[in-house]
C-alpha atoms as a PDB file:
ATOM      1  CA  MET A   1      32.140 136.095 127.646  1.00  0.00           C
ATOM      2  CA  GLU A   2      29.065 134.546 126.007  1.00  0.00           C
ATOM      3  CA  HIS A   3      25.585 135.023 127.435  1.00  0.00           C
ATOM      4  CA  PHE A   4      22.851 132.409 127.366  1.00  0.00           C
ATOM      5  CA  LYS A   5      20.266 134.114 129.569  1.00  0.00           C
ATOM      6  CA  HIS A   6      17.715 133.955 126.754  1.00  0.00           C
ATOM      7  CA  ILE A   7      17.780 130.138 126.967  1.00  0.00           C
ATOM      8  CA  LYS A   8      14.976 129.117 129.318  1.00  0.00           C
ATOM      9  CA  VAL A   9      15.034 125.910 131.368  1.00  0.00           C
ATOM     10  CA  THR A  10      12.113 124.052 132.936  1.00  0.00           C
ATOM     11  CA  THR A  11      11.705 120.744 134.756  1.00  0.00           C
ATOM     12  CA  THR A  12       8.405 120.046 132.998  1.00  0.00           C
ATOM     13  CA  SER A  13       8.214 118.018 129.796  1.00  0.00           C
ATOM     14  CA  SER A  14       5.678 120.378 128.201  1.00  0.00           C
ATOM     15  CA  LEU A  15       5.059 124.130 128.095  1.00  0.00           C
ATOM     16  CA  GLN A  16       1.835 126.013 128.734  1.00  0.00           C
ATOM     17  CA  ASN A  17       0.669 128.609 126.214  1.00  0.00           C
ATOM     18  CA  VAL A  18       3.889 128.174 124.215  1.00  0.00           C
ATOM     19  CA  GLU A  19       4.177 126.365 120.884  1.00  0.00           C
ATOM     20  CA  ILE A  20       7.163 124.037 120.557  1.00  0.00           C
ATOM     21  CA  GLU A  21       8.272 124.331 116.927  1.00  0.00           C
ATOM     22  CA  GLU A  22      11.033 121.717 117.034  1.00  0.00           C
ATOM     23  CA  TYR A  23      12.312 119.023 119.394  1.00  0.00           C
ATOM     24  CA  ILE A  24      16.025 119.145 118.611  1.00  0.00           C
ATOM     25  CA  GLU A  25      17.703 116.455 120.734  1.00  0.00           C
ATOM     26  CA  PRO A  26      18.350 115.274 124.309  1.00  0.00           C
ATOM     27  CA  ILE A  27      21.376 117.001 125.837  1.00  0.00           C
ATOM     28  CA  SER A  28      23.440 116.477 128.985  1.00  0.00           C
ATOM     29  CA  VAL A  29      26.519 117.862 130.698  1.00  0.00           C
ATOM     30  CA  SER A  30      28.569 116.570 133.632  1.00  0.00           C
ATOM     31  CA  ILE A  31      30.798 118.339 136.139  1.00  0.00           C
ATOM     32  CA  VAL A  32      33.179 116.306 138.300  1.00  0.00           C
ATOM     33  CA  ILE A  33      34.291 117.651 141.680  1.00  0.00           C
ATOM     34  CA  GLY A  34      37.633 116.482 143.030  1.00  0.00           C
ATOM     35  CA  MET A  35      38.269 114.212 146.017  1.00  0.00           C
ATOM     36  CA  ASN A  36      39.180 117.017 148.431  1.00  0.00           C
ATOM     37  CA  PHE A  37      35.864 118.772 148.031  1.00  0.00           C
ATOM     38  CA  PHE A  38      34.012 115.498 148.463  1.00  0.00           C
ATOM     39  CA  LYS A  39      35.991 114.624 151.596  1.00  0.00           C
ATOM     40  CA  ASP A  40      35.363 118.061 153.091  1.00  0.00           C
ATOM     41  CA  PHE A  41      31.688 117.673 152.304  1.00  0.00           C
ATOM     42  CA  LEU A  42      31.470 114.415 154.272  1.00  0.00           C
ATOM     43  CA  SER A  43      33.528 115.638 157.241  1.00  0.00           C
ATOM     44  CA  GLY A  44      31.635 118.917 157.460  1.00  0.00           C
ATOM     45  CA  PHE A  45      28.187 117.375 157.350  1.00  0.00           C
ATOM     46  CA  ARG A  46      26.886 116.980 160.942  1.00  0.00           C
ATOM     47  CA  ASP A  47      23.152 116.771 160.577  1.00  0.00           C
ATOM     48  CA  ILE A  48      20.467 118.265 158.435  1.00  0.00           C
ATOM     49  CA  PHE A  49      20.250 121.396 160.553  1.00  0.00           C
ATOM     50  CA  GLY A  50      23.636 121.741 162.189  1.00  0.00           C
ATOM     51  CA  GLY A  51      27.197 122.862 161.607  1.00  0.00           C
ATOM     52  CA  LYS A  52      28.499 123.286 158.104  1.00  0.00           C
ATOM     53  CA  SER A  53      25.617 121.625 156.278  1.00  0.00           C
ATOM     54  CA  ASN A  54      24.170 124.954 155.118  1.00  0.00           C
ATOM     55  CA  THR A  55      27.528 126.070 153.656  1.00  0.00           C
ATOM     56  CA  TYR A  56      27.959 122.878 151.679  1.00  0.00           C
ATOM     57  CA  THR A  57      24.356 122.939 150.517  1.00  0.00           C
ATOM     58  CA  LYS A  58      25.017 126.372 149.040  1.00  0.00           C
ATOM     59  CA  SER A  59      28.205 125.054 147.432  1.00  0.00           C
ATOM     60  CA  LEU A  60      26.263 122.233 145.801  1.00  0.00           C
ATOM     61  CA  GLU A  61      23.650 124.703 144.586  1.00  0.00           C
ATOM     62  CA  LYS A  62      26.380 126.724 142.867  1.00  0.00           C
ATOM     63  CA  ILE A  63      27.691 123.560 141.201  1.00  0.00           C
ATOM     64  CA  ASN A  64      24.178 122.692 140.040  1.00  0.00           C
ATOM     65  CA  GLN A  65      23.763 126.210 138.636  1.00  0.00           C
ATOM     66  CA  GLN A  66      27.039 125.844 136.756  1.00  0.00           C
ATOM     67  CA  ALA A  67      25.782 122.578 135.270  1.00  0.00           C
ATOM     68  CA  ILE A  68      22.589 124.343 134.138  1.00  0.00           C
ATOM     69  CA  TYR A  69      24.683 127.134 132.597  1.00  0.00           C
ATOM     70  CA  GLU A  70      26.700 124.564 130.635  1.00  0.00           C
ATOM     71  CA  LEU A  71      23.425 122.949 129.524  1.00  0.00           C
ATOM     72  CA  LYS A  72      22.199 126.341 128.261  1.00  0.00           C
ATOM     73  CA  LYS A  73      25.446 126.790 126.356  1.00  0.00           C
ATOM     74  CA  ARG A  74      24.959 123.407 124.672  1.00  0.00           C
ATOM     75  CA  ALA A  75      21.355 124.318 123.781  1.00  0.00           C
ATOM     76  CA  HIS A  76      22.478 127.657 122.311  1.00  0.00           C
ATOM     77  CA  TYR A  77      24.920 125.965 119.939  1.00  0.00           C
ATOM     78  CA  LEU A  78      22.068 123.721 118.763  1.00  0.00           C
ATOM     79  CA  LYS A  79      19.976 126.838 117.979  1.00  0.00           C
ATOM     80  CA  ALA A  80      17.503 125.965 120.744  1.00  0.00           C
ATOM     81  CA  ASN A  81      15.904 128.568 122.975  1.00  0.00           C
ATOM     82  CA  TYR A  82      14.405 126.260 125.634  1.00  0.00           C
ATOM     83  CA  VAL A  83      15.441 123.184 127.585  1.00  0.00           C
ATOM     84  CA  ILE A  84      12.566 121.086 128.905  1.00  0.00           C
ATOM     85  CA  GLY A  85      12.508 118.108 131.269  1.00  0.00           C
ATOM     86  CA  LEU A  86      15.504 119.271 133.316  1.00  0.00           C
ATOM     87  CA  THR A  87      16.879 116.745 135.811  1.00  0.00           C
ATOM     88  CA  ILE A  88      20.040 117.014 137.919  1.00  0.00           C
ATOM     89  CA  GLU A  89      21.788 114.010 139.433  1.00  0.00           C
ATOM     90  CA  ASN A  90      24.560 114.089 142.061  1.00  0.00           C
ATOM     91  CA  ASP A  91      26.516 110.822 142.162  1.00  0.00           C
ATOM     92  CA  GLU A  92      29.563 109.630 144.060  1.00  0.00           C
ATOM     93  CA  ILE A  93      32.106 107.988 141.800  1.00  0.00           C
ATOM     94  CA  SER A  94      35.364 106.232 142.653  1.00  0.00           C
ATOM     95  CA  ALA A  95      38.515 105.715 140.625  1.00  0.00           C
ATOM     96  CA  GLN A  96      41.820 104.317 141.875  1.00  0.00           C
ATOM     97  CA  GLY A  97      40.719 104.682 145.459  1.00  0.00           C
ATOM     98  CA  LYS A  98      39.713 108.334 145.063  1.00  0.00           C
ATOM     99  CA  SER A  99      36.199 109.608 145.654  1.00  0.00           C
ATOM    100  CA  MET A 100      34.619 112.299 143.484  1.00  0.00           C
ATOM    101  CA  LEU A 101      31.248 113.914 143.038  1.00  0.00           C
ATOM    102  CA  MET A 102      29.722 114.012 139.546  1.00  0.00           C
ATOM    103  CA  VAL A 103      26.899 116.453 138.851  1.00  0.00           C
ATOM    104  CA  THR A 104      24.939 115.683 135.677  1.00  0.00           C
ATOM    105  CA  ALA A 105      22.287 117.978 134.165  1.00  0.00           C
ATOM    106  CA  MET A 106      19.989 116.526 131.486  1.00  0.00           C
ATOM    107  CA  GLY A 107      17.106 117.804 129.377  1.00  0.00           C
ATOM    108  CA  THR A 108      15.726 118.129 125.863  1.00  0.00           C
ATOM    109  CA  ALA A 109      16.724 121.057 123.667  1.00  0.00           C
ATOM    110  CA  VAL A 110      13.734 122.550 121.845  1.00  0.00           C
ATOM    111  CA  ARG A 111      12.901 125.645 119.853  1.00  0.00           C
ATOM    112  CA  VAL A 112       9.703 127.426 120.778  1.00  0.00           C
ATOM    113  CA  ALA A 113       7.678 129.873 118.731  1.00  0.00           C
ATOM    114  CA  GLY A 114       8.588 133.502 119.323  1.00  0.00           C
ATOM    115  CA  LYS A 115       6.602 135.395 121.897  1.00  0.00           C
ATOM    116  CA  SER A 116       6.908 138.566 119.881  1.00  0.00           C
ATOM    117  CA  LYS A 117       4.639 137.360 117.079  1.00  0.00           C
ATOM    118  CA  GLU A 118       1.437 139.341 117.004  1.00  0.00           C
ATOM    119  CA  VAL A 119      -0.470 138.824 120.244  1.00  0.00           C
ATOM    120  CA  ILE A 120      -3.402 140.743 118.783  1.00  0.00           C
ATOM    121  CA  ASN A 121      -4.488 139.547 115.372  1.00  0.00           C
ATOM    122  CA  ASN A 122      -7.946 140.950 114.724  1.00  0.00           C
ATOM    123  CA  SER A 123      -8.815 139.653 118.163  1.00  0.00           C
ATOM    124  CA  THR A 124     -11.580 141.003 120.374  1.00  0.00           C
ATOM    125  CA  SER A 125      -9.778 140.096 123.611  1.00  0.00           C
ATOM    126  CA  ILE A 126      -6.306 140.155 125.158  1.00  0.00           C
ATOM    127  CA  ASP A 127      -5.313 137.849 128.000  1.00  0.00           C
ATOM    128  CA  LEU A 128      -3.258 139.178 130.906  1.00  0.00           C
ATOM    129  CA  GLU A 129       0.048 137.703 129.711  1.00  0.00           C
ATOM    130  CA  ALA A 130      -0.368 139.296 126.276  1.00  0.00           C
ATOM    131  CA  PHE A 131      -1.371 142.615 127.822  1.00  0.00           C
ATOM    132  CA  GLU A 132       1.677 142.632 130.095  1.00  0.00           C
ATOM    133  CA  GLN A 133       3.905 141.909 127.113  1.00  0.00           C
ATOM    134  CA  LEU A 134       2.386 144.820 125.166  1.00  0.00           C
ATOM    135  CA  GLU A 135       2.784 147.066 128.192  1.00  0.00           C
ATOM    136  CA  LEU A 136       6.449 146.110 128.563  1.00  0.00           C
ATOM    137  CA  LYS A 137       7.103 146.606 124.843  1.00  0.00           C
ATOM    138  CA  THR A 138       5.459 150.044 124.890  1.00  0.00           C
ATOM    139  CA  LYS A 139       7.511 151.102 127.907  1.00  0.00           C
ATOM    140  CA  LEU A 140      10.829 150.025 126.381  1.00  0.00           C
ATOM    141  CA  LEU A 141      10.037 151.541 122.980  1.00  0.00           C
ATOM    142  CA  LYS A 142       9.162 154.913 124.539  1.00  0.00           C
ATOM    143  CA  LYS A 143      12.457 154.935 126.412  1.00  0.00           C
ATOM    144  CA  ALA A 144      14.319 154.050 123.206  1.00  0.00           C
ATOM    145  CA  GLU A 145      12.577 156.842 121.257  1.00  0.00           C
ATOM    146  CA  SER A 146      13.757 159.379 123.843  1.00  0.00           C
ATOM    147  CA  ASN A 147      17.200 157.709 123.956  1.00  0.00           C
ATOM    148  CA  ASN A 148      16.725 156.939 127.652  1.00  0.00           C
ATOM    149  CA  LEU A 149      16.755 153.157 127.435  1.00  0.00           C
ATOM    150  CA  ASN A 150      19.459 151.866 129.737  1.00  0.00           C
ATOM    151  CA  LEU A 151      20.828 148.650 128.269  1.00  0.00           C
ATOM    152  CA  ASN A 152      21.592 147.010 131.591  1.00  0.00           C
ATOM    153  CA  GLU A 153      21.507 143.274 132.186  1.00  0.00           C
ATOM    154  CA  ASN A 154      17.855 143.242 133.212  1.00  0.00           C
ATOM    155  CA  ASN A 155      16.654 145.211 130.168  1.00  0.00           C
ATOM    156  CA  TRP A 156      18.738 143.082 127.796  1.00  0.00           C
ATOM    157  CA  ASN A 157      17.089 139.983 129.266  1.00  0.00           C
ATOM    158  CA  LEU A 158      13.627 141.511 128.733  1.00  0.00           C
ATOM    159  CA  ILE A 159      14.439 142.576 125.160  1.00  0.00           C
ATOM    160  CA  ILE A 160      15.859 139.176 124.190  1.00  0.00           C
ATOM    161  CA  GLU A 161      13.273 137.046 125.987  1.00  0.00           C
ATOM    162  CA  ASN A 162      10.307 139.016 124.609  1.00  0.00           C
ATOM    163  CA  GLN A 163      11.900 139.334 121.152  1.00  0.00           C
ATOM    164  CA  ILE A 164      11.099 143.045 120.788  1.00  0.00           C
ATOM    165  CA  SER A 165      12.105 143.336 117.133  1.00  0.00           C
ATOM    166  CA  GLU A 166      10.900 146.960 116.984  1.00  0.00           C
ATOM    167  CA  LEU A 167      14.051 147.882 118.907  1.00  0.00           C
ATOM    168  CA  SER A 168      16.284 146.683 116.047  1.00  0.00           C
ATOM    169  CA  PRO A 169      17.030 150.193 114.626  1.00  0.00           C
ATOM    170  CA  PHE A 170      17.796 151.562 118.100  1.00  0.00           C
ATOM    171  CA  LEU A 171      20.176 148.709 118.916  1.00  0.00           C
ATOM    172  CA  LEU A 172      21.896 148.789 115.517  1.00  0.00           C
ATOM    173  CA  ASN A 173      22.390 152.541 115.830  1.00  0.00           C
ATOM    174  CA  LYS A 174      24.072 151.928 119.167  1.00  0.00           C
ATOM    175  CA  VAL A 175      26.484 149.407 117.695  1.00  0.00           C
ATOM    176  CA  ILE A 176      27.647 151.653 114.812  1.00  0.00           C
ATOM    177  CA  LYS A 177      27.799 154.992 116.644  1.00  0.00           C
ATOM    178  CA  SER A 178      29.709 154.163 119.807  1.00  0.00           C
ATOM    179  CA  GLN A 179      32.426 151.919 121.146  1.00  0.00           C
ATOM    180  CA  ASN A 180      30.587 148.929 122.543  1.00  0.00           C
ATOM    181  CA  SER A 181      31.708 146.251 124.956  1.00  0.00           C
ATOM    182  CA  THR A 182      31.983 142.579 124.136  1.00  0.00           C
ATOM    183  CA  ASP A 183      28.919 142.028 126.346  1.00  0.00           C
ATOM    184  CA  PHE A 184      26.903 144.471 124.209  1.00  0.00           C
ATOM    185  CA  ARG A 185      27.857 142.729 120.965  1.00  0.00           C
ATOM    186  CA  GLU A 186      27.116 139.282 122.392  1.00  0.00           C
ATOM    187  CA  ASN A 187      23.701 140.460 123.634  1.00  0.00           C
ATOM    188  CA  LEU A 188      22.969 142.009 120.242  1.00  0.00           C
ATOM    189  CA  LYS A 189      23.844 138.729 118.525  1.00  0.00           C
ATOM    190  CA  ALA A 190      21.602 136.848 120.973  1.00  0.00           C
ATOM    191  CA  PHE A 191      18.787 139.307 120.196  1.00  0.00           C
ATOM    192  CA  PHE A 192      18.958 138.774 116.419  1.00  0.00           C
ATOM    193  CA  ASP A 193      19.497 135.042 116.872  1.00  0.00           C
ATOM    194  CA  ASN A 194      16.341 134.816 118.975  1.00  0.00           C
ATOM    195  CA  ILE A 195      13.833 136.756 116.865  1.00  0.00           C
ATOM    196  CA  ASP A 196      12.224 135.346 113.730  1.00  0.00           C
ATOM    197  CA  ARG A 197      15.002 134.788 111.182  1.00  0.00           C
ATOM    198  CA  GLU A 198      13.282 136.407 108.203  1.00  0.00           C
ATOM    199  CA  LEU A 199      12.356 139.380 110.365  1.00  0.00           C
ATOM    200  CA  ALA A 200      15.968 139.699 111.553  1.00  0.00           C
ATOM    201  CA  ILE A 201      17.206 139.715 107.941  1.00  0.00           C
ATOM    202  CA  THR A 202      14.625 142.327 106.914  1.00  0.00           C
ATOM    203  CA  GLU A 203      15.446 144.583 109.873  1.00  0.00           C
ATOM    204  CA  ILE A 204      19.197 144.435 109.214  1.00  0.00           C
ATOM    205  CA  PHE A 205      19.044 145.046 105.459  1.00  0.00           C
ATOM    206  CA  THR A 206      16.534 147.889 105.934  1.00  0.00           C
ATOM    207  CA  PHE A 207      18.873 149.460 108.473  1.00  0.00           C
ATOM    208  CA  ILE A 208      21.880 149.119 106.145  1.00  0.00           C
ATOM    209  CA  GLU A 209      20.081 150.862 103.275  1.00  0.00           C
ATOM    210  CA  SER A 210      18.994 153.676 105.615  1.00  0.00           C
ATOM    211  CA  ASN A 211      22.524 154.281 106.920  1.00  0.00           C
ATOM    212  CA  GLU A 212      24.554 154.315 103.739  1.00  0.00           C
ATOM    213  CA  GLU A 213      27.084 156.891 104.955  1.00  0.00           C
ATOM    214  CA  ASN A 214      27.948 155.173 108.250  1.00  0.00           C
ATOM    215  CA  ASP A 215      30.600 152.594 109.076  1.00  0.00           C
ATOM    216  CA  LEU A 216      28.540 149.414 108.835  1.00  0.00           C
ATOM    217  CA  LYS A 217      31.278 146.901 109.665  1.00  0.00           C
ATOM    218  CA  PRO A 218      29.717 145.997 113.072  1.00  0.00           C
ATOM    219  CA  VAL A 219      26.415 145.219 111.313  1.00  0.00           C
ATOM    220  CA  VAL A 220      28.164 143.143 108.643  1.00  0.00           C
ATOM    221  CA  SER A 221      29.842 141.253 111.480  1.00  0.00           C
ATOM    222  CA  ILE A 222      26.410 140.219 112.820  1.00  0.00           C
ATOM    223  CA  VAL A 223      25.350 139.124 109.329  1.00  0.00           C
ATOM    224  CA  LYS A 224      28.480 136.978 109.040  1.00  0.00           C
ATOM    225  CA  GLU A 225      28.279 135.368 112.469  1.00  0.00           C
ATOM    226  CA  LEU A 226      24.574 134.513 112.213  1.00  0.00           C
ATOM    227  CA  ASN A 227      24.468 133.882 108.419  1.00  0.00           C
ATOM    228  CA  LEU A 228      21.660 136.410 108.017  1.00  0.00           C
ATOM    229  CA  VAL A 229      21.875 136.548 104.215  1.00  0.00           C
ATOM    230  CA  ASP A 230      19.256 137.182 101.566  1.00  0.00           C
ATOM    231  CA  PHE A 231      20.727 137.331  98.051  1.00  0.00           C
ATOM    232  CA  ASP A 232      17.829 139.324  96.617  1.00  0.00           C
ATOM    233  CA  LYS A 233      18.076 141.975  99.332  1.00  0.00           C
ATOM    234  CA  ASN A 234      21.842 142.019  98.920  1.00  0.00           C
ATOM    235  CA  LEU A 235      21.484 142.609  95.185  1.00  0.00           C
ATOM    236  CA  SER A 236      19.678 145.810  96.110  1.00  0.00           C
ATOM    237  CA  LEU A 237      22.823 146.960  97.964  1.00  0.00           C
ATOM    238  CA  LEU A 238      25.021 146.022  95.010  1.00  0.00           C
ATOM    239  CA  SER A 239      22.712 147.895  92.624  1.00  0.00           C
ATOM    240  CA  SER A 240      22.853 151.119  94.640  1.00  0.00           C
ATOM    241  CA  ASP A 241      24.619 154.249  93.371  1.00  0.00           C
ATOM    242  CA  ASN A 242      26.270 154.530  96.798  1.00  0.00           C
ATOM    243  CA  GLN A 243      29.805 153.075  96.921  1.00  0.00           C
ATOM    244  CA  ASN A 244      29.584 152.280 100.636  1.00  0.00           C
ATOM    245  CA  LEU A 245      26.481 150.152 100.079  1.00  0.00           C
ATOM    246  CA  ASN A 246      28.218 148.450  97.148  1.00  0.00           C
ATOM    247  CA  ASN A 247      31.139 147.602  99.429  1.00  0.00           C
ATOM    248  CA  VAL A 248      28.826 146.232 102.132  1.00  0.00           C
ATOM    249  CA  GLY A 249      26.991 144.197  99.505  1.00  0.00           C
ATOM    250  CA  ALA A 250      30.298 142.763  98.281  1.00  0.00           C
ATOM    251  CA  LEU A 251      31.274 141.712 101.810  1.00  0.00           C
ATOM    252  CA  ILE A 252      27.880 140.089 102.433  1.00  0.00           C
ATOM    253  CA  SER A 253      28.125 138.270  99.082  1.00  0.00           C
ATOM    254  CA  GLY A 254      30.878 136.149 100.598  1.00  0.00           C
ATOM    255  CA  VAL A 255      28.744 135.027 103.538  1.00  0.00           C
ATOM    256  CA  HIS A 256      26.956 131.671 103.525  1.00  0.00           C
ATOM    257  CA  LYS A 257      23.192 131.475 103.818  1.00  0.00           C
ATOM    258  CA  ASN A 258      21.750 129.376 106.601  1.00  0.00           C
ATOM    259  CA  THR A 259      19.659 127.440 104.041  1.00  0.00           C
ATOM    260  CA  TYR A 260      20.003 127.333 100.260  1.00  0.00           C
ATOM    261  CA  PHE A 261      17.098 126.976  97.808  1.00  0.00           C
ATOM    262  CA  LYS A 262      16.875 126.312  94.096  1.00  0.00           C
ATOM    263  CA  SER A 263      15.896 129.959  93.550  1.00  0.00           C
ATOM    264  CA  ASP A 264      19.313 130.966  94.914  1.00  0.00           C
ATOM    265  CA  ILE A 265      20.969 129.711  91.727  1.00  0.00           C
ATOM    266  CA  LYS A 266      19.575 132.644  89.735  1.00  0.00           C
ATOM    267  CA  ALA A 267      20.354 135.102  92.545  1.00  0.00           C
ATOM    268  CA  ILE A 268      23.976 133.910  92.837  1.00  0.00           C
ATOM    269  CA  LYS A 269      24.497 134.267  89.068  1.00  0.00           C
ATOM    270  CA  GLU A 270      23.116 137.808  89.247  1.00  0.00           C
ATOM    271  CA  THR A 271      25.360 138.549  92.234  1.00  0.00           C
ATOM    272  CA  ILE A 272      28.480 137.460  90.341  1.00  0.00           C
ATOM    273  CA  ASP A 273      27.468 139.585  87.335  1.00  0.00           C
ATOM    274  CA  LYS A 274      26.761 142.573  89.569  1.00  0.00           C
ATOM    275  CA  LEU A 275      30.123 142.248  91.345  1.00  0.00           C
ATOM    276  CA  GLU A 276      31.914 142.225  88.003  1.00  0.00           C
ATOM    277  CA  SER A 277      30.039 145.283  86.729  1.00  0.00           C
ATOM    278  CA  LYS A 278      30.306 147.287  89.965  1.00  0.00           C
ATOM    279  CA  PHE A 279      33.932 146.396  90.659  1.00  0.00           C
ATOM    280  CA  PRO A 280      35.658 146.243  87.249  1.00  0.00           C
ATOM    281  CA  ILE A 281      39.400 145.597  87.084  1.00  0.00           C
ATOM    282  CA  LYS A 282      41.067 148.958  86.552  1.00  0.00           C
ATOM    283  CA  ALA A 283      44.670 147.798  86.537  1.00  0.00           C
ATOM    284  CA  GLU A 284      46.702 146.994  83.445  1.00  0.00           C
ATOM    285  CA  PHE A 285      48.526 143.638  83.297  1.00  0.00           C
ATOM    286  CA  TYR A 286      51.633 143.025  81.203  1.00  0.00           C
ATOM    287  CA  GLN A 287      55.175 141.636  81.181  1.00  0.00           C
ATOM    288  CA  THR A 288      58.248 143.703  81.921  1.00  0.00           C
ATOM    289  CA  LEU A 289      61.958 143.101  82.384  1.00  0.00           C
ATOM    290  CA  ASP A 290      63.080 142.606  85.989  1.00  0.00           C
ATOM    291  CA  LYS A 291      66.154 144.772  86.551  1.00  0.00           C
ATOM    292  CA  LEU A 292      67.670 142.326  89.055  1.00  0.00           C
ATOM    293  CA  THR A 293      67.107 138.971  87.371  1.00  0.00           C
ATOM    294  CA  ARG A 294      67.024 140.313  83.795  1.00  0.00           C
ATOM    295  CA  LYS A 295      63.976 138.091  83.203  1.00  0.00           C
ATOM    296  CA  ASP A 296      60.478 138.929  82.043  1.00  0.00           C
ATOM    297  CA  ILE A 297      57.972 139.071  84.933  1.00  0.00           C
ATOM    298  CA  GLU A 298      54.205 139.636  85.151  1.00  0.00           C
ATOM    299  CA  VAL A 299      53.190 142.953  86.734  1.00  0.00           C
ATOM    300  CA  TRP A 300      50.118 145.128  87.090  1.00  0.00           C
ATOM    301  CA  LYS A 301      50.041 148.891  86.764  1.00  0.00           C
ATOM    302  CA  CYS A 302      47.736 150.784  89.092  1.00  0.00           C
ATOM    303  CA  GLU A 303      45.655 153.810  88.067  1.00  0.00           C
ATOM    304  CA  CYS A 304      48.275 155.943  89.801  1.00  0.00           C
ATOM    305  CA  GLY A 305      50.932 154.656  87.388  1.00  0.00           C
ATOM    306  CA  LYS A 306      52.924 152.475  89.789  1.00  0.00           C
ATOM    307  CA  GLU A 307      53.959 148.983  88.725  1.00  0.00           C
ATOM    308  CA  ASN A 308      53.358 146.129  91.170  1.00  0.00           C
ATOM    309  CA  SER A 309      54.304 142.457  91.156  1.00  0.00           C
ATOM    310  CA  LEU A 310      51.437 139.989  90.836  1.00  0.00           C
ATOM    311  CA  GLU A 311      52.050 138.934  94.442  1.00  0.00           C
ATOM    312  CA  ARG A 312      51.078 142.396  95.681  1.00  0.00           C
ATOM    313  CA  GLU A 313      47.340 142.826  96.273  1.00  0.00           C
ATOM    314  CA  ILE A 314      47.656 146.521  97.186  1.00  0.00           C
ATOM    315  CA  CYS A 315      49.494 149.157  95.158  1.00  0.00           C
ATOM    316  CA  ARG A 316      52.743 150.259  96.772  1.00  0.00           C
ATOM    317  CA  GLY A 317      52.088 153.795  95.582  1.00  0.00           C
ATOM    318  CA  CYS A 318      48.478 154.625  96.520  1.00  0.00           C
ATOM    319  CA  ASN A 319      47.249 151.628  98.573  1.00  0.00           C
ATOM    320  CA  LYS A 320      44.543 150.782  96.044  1.00  0.00           C
ATOM    321  CA  ASP A 321      43.807 147.289  94.731  1.00  0.00           C
ATOM    322  CA  ILE A 322      43.271 146.244  91.118  1.00  0.00           C
ATOM    323  CA  HIS A 323      39.626 147.395  91.379  1.00  0.00           C
ATOM    324  CA  GLY A 324      40.604 150.871  92.530  1.00  0.00           C
ATOM    325  CA  LEU A 325      39.484 150.290  96.142  1.00  0.00           C
ATOM    326  CA  LYS A 326      41.715 151.995  98.698  1.00  0.00           C
ATOM    327  CA  ASN A 327      42.654 150.278 101.975  1.00  0.00           C
ATOM    328  CA  SER A 328      39.869 147.783 101.321  1.00  0.00           C
ATOM    329  CA  ASN A 329      39.301 144.531 103.196  1.00  0.00           C
ATOM    330  CA  ILE A 330      37.189 143.191 100.315  1.00  0.00           C
ATOM    331  CA  ASN A 331      38.811 140.244  98.572  1.00  0.00           C
ATOM    332  CA  LEU A 332      36.675 140.274  95.431  1.00  0.00           C
ATOM    333  CA  LYS A 333      38.614 137.482  93.753  1.00  0.00           C
ATOM    334  CA  GLU A 334      38.021 135.138  96.692  1.00  0.00           C
ATOM    335  CA  ILE A 335      34.362 136.174  97.022  1.00  0.00           C
ATOM    336  CA  LYS A 336      33.636 135.481  93.343  1.00  0.00           C
ATOM    337  CA  GLU A 337      35.480 132.151  93.444  1.00  0.00           C
ATOM    338  CA  ASN A 338      33.440 131.090  96.489  1.00  0.00           C
ATOM    339  CA  LEU A 339      30.195 132.105  94.803  1.00  0.00           C
ATOM    340  CA  LYS A 340      31.088 130.118  91.668  1.00  0.00           C
ATOM    341  CA  HIS A 341      31.915 127.122  93.858  1.00  0.00           C
ATOM    342  CA  ARG A 342      28.534 127.333  95.616  1.00  0.00           C
ATOM    343  CA  LEU A 343      26.807 127.774  92.274  1.00  0.00           C
ATOM    344  CA  GLU A 344      28.401 124.600  90.953  1.00  0.00           C
ATOM    345  CA  ILE A 345      27.291 122.591  93.987  1.00  0.00           C
ATOM    346  CA  LEU A 346      23.714 123.956  93.884  1.00  0.00           C
ATOM    347  CA  GLU A 347      23.326 123.330  90.151  1.00  0.00           C
ATOM    348  CA  LYS A 348      24.398 119.701  90.625  1.00  0.00           C
ATOM    349  CA  ASN A 349      22.118 119.245  93.624  1.00  0.00           C
ATOM    350  CA  PHE A 350      19.039 120.817  92.016  1.00  0.00           C
ATOM    351  CA  ALA A 351      19.624 119.348  88.538  1.00  0.00           C
END
């Protein structure tokens, strides 16, 4: 289940004390309620105070809330973190003699500046809102330092909404050192998707370099899903003397950046060169006579001495690939081909 609690919704067309960085686009969603519900609504409605009116009012409120939830979902996919100018319309519609109720929620998806950016910047005063934010951050950080921070729904909402980036190491440690629920992983993605992008990239790559002996697949998964890639930082992983960091760097090399720049051309070339030097081909390729068909076939011999057909990516003897990686999920051939393809496109575009 996906969570969109960090997406805020307001009926106003402007926001106080919050900078709107980007007006993305108007969005709307509609929910249609079937004829039976609509008929029951009319028959149950006696007067504004009597009978079943309160029950049906609550039912309509739930439908409206569902429409708002769907609106948040739409905003999330547009990389917005706020919906302004919310309006909800309830209309009766008819088709082929059947009556239905259509609930439509509308607003404008926007992206606002992060709250977590320095509230004190050589300032001589702090307003109450900023002070309360600092107080909340201090409280949560102290609990995290003592490993007493309960990641319940309320605390996740506070962490995501207030973009407390200082909790990044604590949260990343949680994801690599214990079995986590789908809800945890979705909240963690929402957290990194909501803080400043460059800060998110820095926090993740710093964490990776500091945890070279751990299983970092869950962290790589976040990088992949949110495209949190920096080629220069990744080259640092590929240049390490630690094989685990090299492997992580290889996996990240295959991930797209969110935005490409002309400077990435040089970084991609260096990445390809580094992949080839760090992961040399250790297998021997040659032709041999197939005992069944009595024809010459292409094979590769692994370091362990076993011959394998070209179709086999993993040695049948020791489970290593042609680069000597055992039980690896790194497809270096595909990664390098993708990088060369991107390089070609960028060189044409920035020519």
